[in-house]
Amino acid sequence: MNAFAPSPAQGCGSSDCSCQSAATPELPPMQAPLHTGPRPTLAAHVNGIALCSAQELLDSAELRQRACTELLRQAAMAQGLLATDDPAPSAGAISEAASAAIEQLLNTALQLPEPGDEAGLRHYQAHAARYARGERVRARHVLFAVTPGVDIQALRQRAEACLLDLRSATPQELAAGDRFAAAAATSSNCPSGASGGQLGWLAVPDCAPEFARELFGHAEVGVLARLVHSRFGLHVVEVLEREAGTVPPYEQVRAAVMQQLRQQSFATALSQYLRLLAGQALVVGVDLEGAETPLVQ
């Protein structure tokens, strides 16, 4: 499995929405906290290899990702899988040889047990709604986009203020003045803001995976109580209607369940391996304990 290849970005459903772009790379994983704004990170390094230049301002999640990548690159060298004169990363980008060597390293270093049907059934029973077919959601959103150089802390504060304002409004206030539509028109970084943030009816394939996880398999209707994190930024989302899908029997979704369990196993093993590498290295200027998933999956 290549931990460094971005998964294809799918849209959030609107034909003119900035959340729909097949070429948009994933943002750092939203499990990583966004409360720390960009800051100078020149002193950050792994065993003396700088993680960024003096001109770069990185948020904590991107800095963590670079540190983890560098730990793996150096481990690949130590295992003889990569030449010791491999060029140091430039703006976070590693060489093709380093990417291939890291993939080879992970294939040998991570011992991943094959999940069985007992574990598969437990997962299916606990998360059956995830595998529903035909579920649809009609929604609208206000997008606070993460763009290069943006102050993440200030962006999050704006998104949280918008969410609080919309959540505190009564249903009558929301309906009377269409407060949500006004917020989308004035604050959203998505073209859908011109139409009140409307995304229309969405199905799971219409959305980026991290966006779909927050919308589908739940019963909530109304303005969601949390910000939705995606590769595009922070979303304030209102679910207007839901159409329940049907949950197929385990046998029909067994392959999808097994793939999900493999991905969870890989993420856990990778996190443990990176902690081991970090304990053996000199890591300066970066906190590697702040994210459950240290690398983009």
Protein backbone atom coordinates (compact mmCIF):
# COMPACT_ATOMS: atom_id res chain seq x y z
CA MET A 1 0.00 0.00 0.00
CA ASN A 2 1.36 3.41 -0.90
CA ALA A 3 0.80 5.74 2.03
CA PHE A 4 1.85 8.74 -0.01
CA ALA A 5 -0.39 8.53 -3.04
CA PRO A 6 -3.33 10.91 -2.66
CA SER A 7 -6.69 9.28 -3.23
CA PRO A 8 -8.71 10.74 -6.12
CA ALA A 9 -10.66 13.76 -4.94
CA GLN A 10 -14.35 13.52 -5.56
CA GLY A 11 -16.77 16.39 -5.36
CA CYS A 12 -19.21 17.20 -2.61
CA GLY A 13 -22.00 17.07 -5.16
CA SER A 14 -22.59 20.49 -6.67
CA SER A 15 -21.65 20.82 -10.34
CA ASP A 16 -20.23 24.31 -9.74
CA CYS A 17 -18.86 23.69 -6.29
CA SER A 18 -15.19 24.06 -5.44
CA CYS A 19 -15.49 20.82 -3.47
CA GLN A 20 -15.61 18.94 -6.78
CA SER A 21 -12.26 18.59 -8.47
CA ALA A 22 -10.59 15.42 -9.69
CA ALA A 23 -7.15 17.02 -9.51
CA THR A 24 -7.27 18.57 -6.05
CA PRO A 25 -4.83 16.93 -3.62
CA GLU A 26 -5.87 15.97 -0.16
CA LEU A 27 -5.29 18.35 2.67
CA PRO A 28 -3.54 17.11 5.77
CA PRO A 29 -5.81 14.68 7.63
CA MET A 30 -8.54 16.48 9.60
CA GLN A 31 -7.90 14.32 12.63
CA ALA A 32 -4.83 16.58 13.07
CA PRO A 33 -5.86 19.67 15.07
CA LEU A 34 -6.14 22.94 13.16
CA HIS A 35 -5.96 25.22 16.19
CA THR A 36 -2.31 26.14 15.64
CA GLY A 37 -1.78 28.77 12.97
CA PRO A 38 1.13 28.88 10.53
CA ARG A 39 4.40 29.85 12.12
CA PRO A 40 8.09 30.00 11.16
CA THR A 41 9.49 26.49 11.34
CA LEU A 42 13.11 26.87 10.24
CA ALA A 43 14.43 25.11 13.33
CA ALA A 44 12.36 21.99 12.74
CA HIS A 45 14.49 19.05 11.65
CA VAL A 46 14.89 15.28 11.83
CA ASN A 47 18.47 14.21 12.55
CA GLY A 48 19.69 17.52 11.13
CA ILE A 49 17.63 17.39 7.92
CA ALA A 50 15.53 20.59 7.79
CA LEU A 51 11.82 20.13 7.27
CA CYS A 52 11.23 23.54 5.67
CA SER A 53 12.91 26.71 4.53
CA ALA A 54 12.98 30.11 6.21
CA GLN A 55 10.31 31.37 3.80
CA GLU A 56 7.77 28.65 4.58
CA LEU A 57 5.00 28.95 7.14
CA LEU A 58 3.53 25.55 7.98
CA ASP A 59 0.63 24.58 10.18
CA SER A 60 1.32 21.87 12.75
CA ALA A 61 -0.36 19.12 10.72
CA GLU A 62 1.79 19.69 7.62
CA LEU A 63 4.92 19.94 9.73
CA ARG A 64 4.06 16.60 11.35
CA GLN A 65 3.51 15.03 7.96
CA ARG A 66 6.91 16.20 6.72
CA ALA A 67 8.60 14.90 9.86
CA CYS A 68 6.99 11.48 9.49
CA THR A 69 7.96 11.28 5.84
CA GLU A 70 11.55 12.18 6.70
CA LEU A 71 11.66 9.53 9.44
CA LEU A 72 10.61 6.92 6.90
CA ARG A 73 13.04 8.21 4.25
CA GLN A 74 15.94 7.92 6.68
CA ALA A 75 14.77 4.49 7.83
CA ALA A 76 14.77 3.34 4.20
CA MET A 77 18.38 4.51 3.93
CA ALA A 78 19.31 2.66 7.11
CA GLN A 79 17.79 -0.53 5.68
CA GLY A 80 19.79 -0.17 2.46
CA LEU A 81 16.66 0.43 0.39
CA LEU A 82 17.65 3.96 -0.60
CA ALA A 83 20.97 5.51 -1.55
CA THR A 84 22.53 7.59 1.21
CA ASP A 85 23.02 10.46 -1.26
CA ASP A 86 19.30 10.68 -1.97
CA PRO A 87 18.48 14.42 -2.12
CA ALA A 88 16.84 15.96 0.90
CA PRO A 89 13.18 16.88 0.42
CA SER A 90 12.42 20.22 -1.22
CA ALA A 91 9.28 22.00 0.02
CA GLY A 92 8.17 18.66 1.42
CA ALA A 93 8.56 16.78 -1.87
CA ILE A 94 10.73 13.66 -1.88
CA SER A 95 12.36 11.91 -4.81
CA GLU A 96 10.67 9.11 -6.75
CA ALA A 97 13.36 6.75 -5.48
CA ALA A 98 12.58 7.72 -1.89
CA SER A 99 8.85 7.21 -2.40
CA ALA A 100 9.44 3.73 -3.84
CA ALA A 101 11.90 2.86 -1.06
CA ILE A 102 9.45 3.95 1.64
CA GLU A 103 6.72 1.82 0.11
CA GLN A 104 9.09 -1.16 0.09
CA LEU A 105 10.09 -0.41 3.68
CA LEU A 106 6.48 -0.36 4.86
CA ASN A 107 5.67 -3.56 3.02
CA THR A 108 8.34 -5.35 5.04
CA ALA A 109 8.23 -3.46 8.35
CA LEU A 110 4.50 -3.49 8.96
CA GLN A 111 3.09 -6.85 9.90
CA LEU A 112 -0.58 -6.67 8.96
CA PRO A 113 -2.77 -9.62 9.93
CA GLU A 114 -5.51 -10.50 7.48
CA PRO A 115 -8.89 -9.73 9.08
CA GLY A 116 -11.29 -12.63 9.55
CA ASP A 117 -15.03 -12.86 9.30
CA GLU A 118 -15.50 -12.68 13.05
CA ALA A 119 -13.93 -9.22 13.13
CA GLY A 120 -15.69 -8.34 9.89
CA LEU A 121 -19.11 -9.17 11.31
CA ARG A 122 -18.45 -7.17 14.48
CA HIS A 123 -17.45 -4.15 12.41
CA TYR A 124 -20.43 -4.55 10.09
CA GLN A 125 -22.90 -4.79 12.98
CA ALA A 126 -21.42 -1.72 14.66
CA HIS A 127 -21.25 0.37 11.48
CA ALA A 128 -23.95 -1.08 9.24
CA ALA A 129 -25.19 2.37 8.21
CA ARG A 130 -21.87 3.03 6.48
CA TYR A 131 -22.66 0.35 3.96
CA ALA A 132 -26.20 1.49 3.17
CA ARG A 133 -26.98 1.72 -0.52
CA GLY A 134 -29.21 4.34 -2.01
CA GLU A 135 -28.99 6.76 0.91
CA ARG A 136 -29.31 10.38 -0.18
CA VAL A 137 -28.90 13.67 1.65
CA ARG A 138 -30.03 17.14 0.57
CA ALA A 139 -27.63 19.64 2.09
CA ARG A 140 -26.08 23.06 1.87
CA HIS A 141 -22.82 24.39 3.27
CA VAL A 142 -20.60 27.36 3.99
CA LEU A 143 -17.01 26.59 3.01
CA PHE A 144 -14.03 28.19 4.72
CA ALA A 145 -11.33 27.08 2.30
CA VAL A 146 -7.80 26.17 3.32
CA THR A 147 -5.47 27.77 0.80
CA PRO A 148 -1.67 28.23 0.74
CA GLY A 149 -0.57 30.77 3.33
CA VAL A 150 -3.94 31.00 5.06
CA ASP A 151 -3.94 31.67 8.81
CA ILE A 152 -5.48 28.38 9.97
CA GLN A 153 -6.24 29.64 13.45
CA ALA A 154 -8.09 32.70 12.17
CA LEU A 155 -9.92 30.59 9.59
CA ARG A 156 -11.10 28.15 12.22
CA GLN A 157 -12.26 30.99 14.46
CA ARG A 158 -14.33 32.43 11.61
CA ALA A 159 -15.84 29.01 10.85
CA GLU A 160 -16.65 28.37 14.51
CA ALA A 161 -18.26 31.80 14.86
CA CYS A 162 -20.42 31.10 11.81
CA LEU A 163 -21.40 27.69 13.18
CA LEU A 164 -22.28 29.14 16.58
CA ASP A 165 -24.39 31.88 15.00
CA LEU A 166 -26.36 29.44 12.86
CA ARG A 167 -26.75 26.88 15.64
CA SER A 168 -28.04 29.51 18.07
CA ALA A 169 -30.74 30.71 15.67
CA THR A 170 -34.23 29.37 16.20
CA PRO A 171 -35.89 27.39 13.38
CA GLN A 172 -38.19 30.37 12.86
CA GLU A 173 -35.21 32.74 12.53
CA LEU A 174 -33.47 30.40 10.10
CA ALA A 175 -36.59 30.09 7.96
CA ALA A 176 -37.76 33.70 8.12
CA GLY A 177 -34.62 35.42 6.93
CA ASP A 178 -32.81 32.38 5.55
CA ARG A 179 -29.86 33.12 7.78
CA PHE A 180 -27.91 30.17 6.42
CA ALA A 181 -28.22 31.42 2.82
CA ALA A 182 -27.01 34.85 3.91
CA ALA A 183 -23.98 33.33 5.64
CA ALA A 184 -23.16 31.29 2.54
CA ALA A 185 -23.47 34.35 0.30
CA THR A 186 -21.14 36.47 2.42
CA SER A 187 -18.66 33.95 3.82
CA SER A 188 -18.45 30.83 1.65
CA ASN A 189 -15.41 30.27 -0.57
CA CYS A 190 -17.49 27.98 -2.79
CA PRO A 191 -19.40 29.09 -5.91
CA SER A 192 -22.47 27.47 -4.33
CA GLY A 193 -22.55 30.46 -1.97
CA ALA A 194 -24.31 32.41 -4.71
CA SER A 195 -27.25 30.00 -4.39
CA GLY A 196 -27.33 29.92 -0.59
CA GLY A 197 -24.75 27.14 -0.33
CA GLN A 198 -27.09 24.61 -1.92
CA LEU A 199 -25.46 21.30 -2.85
CA GLY A 200 -28.65 19.54 -3.89
CA TRP A 201 -29.24 15.85 -3.38
CA LEU A 202 -26.02 13.95 -2.69
CA ALA A 203 -25.12 10.27 -2.66
CA VAL A 204 -21.93 8.82 -1.24
CA PRO A 205 -20.11 8.63 -4.61
CA ASP A 206 -20.74 12.35 -5.15
CA CYS A 207 -18.59 13.37 -2.20
CA ALA A 208 -15.00 13.35 -1.08
CA PRO A 209 -14.69 10.39 1.33
CA GLU A 210 -14.03 12.50 4.42
CA PHE A 211 -17.05 14.68 3.59
CA ALA A 212 -19.26 11.64 2.99
CA ARG A 213 -18.31 10.10 6.35
CA GLU A 214 -19.76 13.12 8.14
CA LEU A 215 -22.97 13.27 6.09
CA PHE A 216 -24.04 9.68 5.60
CA GLY A 217 -24.89 6.96 8.08
CA HIS A 218 -26.26 9.47 10.58
CA ALA A 219 -29.75 10.57 11.57
CA GLU A 220 -29.04 14.28 12.06
CA VAL A 221 -31.16 16.89 10.28
CA GLY A 222 -30.49 20.61 10.57
CA VAL A 223 -27.23 22.51 11.07
CA LEU A 224 -24.66 19.94 12.19
CA ALA A 225 -23.24 20.57 15.65
CA ARG A 226 -19.66 20.26 14.41
CA LEU A 227 -17.48 21.66 11.68
CA VAL A 228 -16.97 19.18 8.87
CA HIS A 229 -13.30 18.88 7.92
CA SER A 230 -12.38 17.99 4.36
CA ARG A 231 -9.41 18.35 2.04
CA PHE A 232 -11.00 21.61 0.88
CA GLY A 233 -11.28 23.24 4.28
CA LEU A 234 -13.87 23.65 7.03
CA HIS A 235 -17.57 23.34 6.28
CA VAL A 236 -20.62 24.49 8.19
CA VAL A 237 -23.24 22.03 6.94
CA GLU A 238 -27.01 21.98 7.14
CA VAL A 239 -28.80 18.74 6.31
CA LEU A 240 -32.20 19.64 4.89
CA GLU A 241 -33.58 16.18 4.13
CA ARG A 242 -32.54 12.55 4.29
CA GLU A 243 -33.65 9.54 2.31
CA ALA A 244 -32.70 6.32 4.04
CA GLY A 245 -30.94 3.68 2.04
CA THR A 246 -31.06 -0.07 2.48
CA VAL A 247 -28.34 -1.99 4.29
CA PRO A 248 -27.36 -5.09 2.31
CA PRO A 249 -26.49 -8.31 4.13
CA TYR A 250 -22.93 -8.79 5.32
CA GLU A 251 -22.12 -11.24 2.52
CA GLN A 252 -22.78 -8.57 -0.11
CA VAL A 253 -20.49 -5.98 1.47
CA ARG A 254 -17.89 -8.33 2.90
CA ALA A 255 -15.16 -7.11 0.52
CA ALA A 256 -15.75 -3.49 1.50
CA VAL A 257 -15.74 -4.38 5.20
CA MET A 258 -12.47 -6.29 4.85
CA GLN A 259 -10.87 -3.39 2.98
CA GLN A 260 -11.92 -1.00 5.75
CA LEU A 261 -10.42 -3.28 8.40
CA ARG A 262 -7.17 -3.54 6.41
CA GLN A 263 -6.96 0.25 6.21
CA GLN A 264 -7.53 0.57 9.95
CA SER A 265 -4.87 -2.05 10.62
CA PHE A 266 -2.41 -0.28 8.32
CA ALA A 267 -3.02 3.09 10.00
CA THR A 268 -2.49 1.60 13.47
CA ALA A 269 0.69 -0.26 12.47
CA LEU A 270 2.08 2.81 10.70
CA SER A 271 1.46 5.01 13.72
CA GLN A 272 3.23 2.52 16.01
CA TYR A 273 6.18 2.19 13.62
CA LEU A 274 6.58 5.96 13.36
CA ARG A 275 6.59 6.29 17.14
CA LEU A 276 9.38 3.69 17.25
CA LEU A 277 11.40 5.59 14.63
CA ALA A 278 10.82 8.91 16.39
CA GLY A 279 12.10 7.43 19.64
CA GLN A 280 15.36 6.53 17.92
CA ALA A 281 15.82 9.88 16.15
CA LEU A 282 16.55 13.48 17.06
CA VAL A 283 13.33 15.28 16.18
CA VAL A 284 13.37 19.01 16.89
CA GLY A 285 10.64 21.61 16.52
CA VAL A 286 7.70 19.33 15.79
CA ASP A 287 5.16 17.57 18.01
CA LEU A 288 4.52 14.06 16.70
CA GLU A 289 1.93 13.24 19.37
CA GLY A 290 -0.80 15.51 18.07
CA ALA A 291 -2.38 13.37 15.35
CA GLU A 292 -3.95 9.94 15.37
CA THR A 293 -3.02 9.42 11.73
CA PRO A 294 0.35 11.07 11.08
CA LEU A 295 0.34 10.73 7.31
CA VAL A 296 -2.15 11.35 4.55
CA GLN A 297 -3.72 7.98 3.78
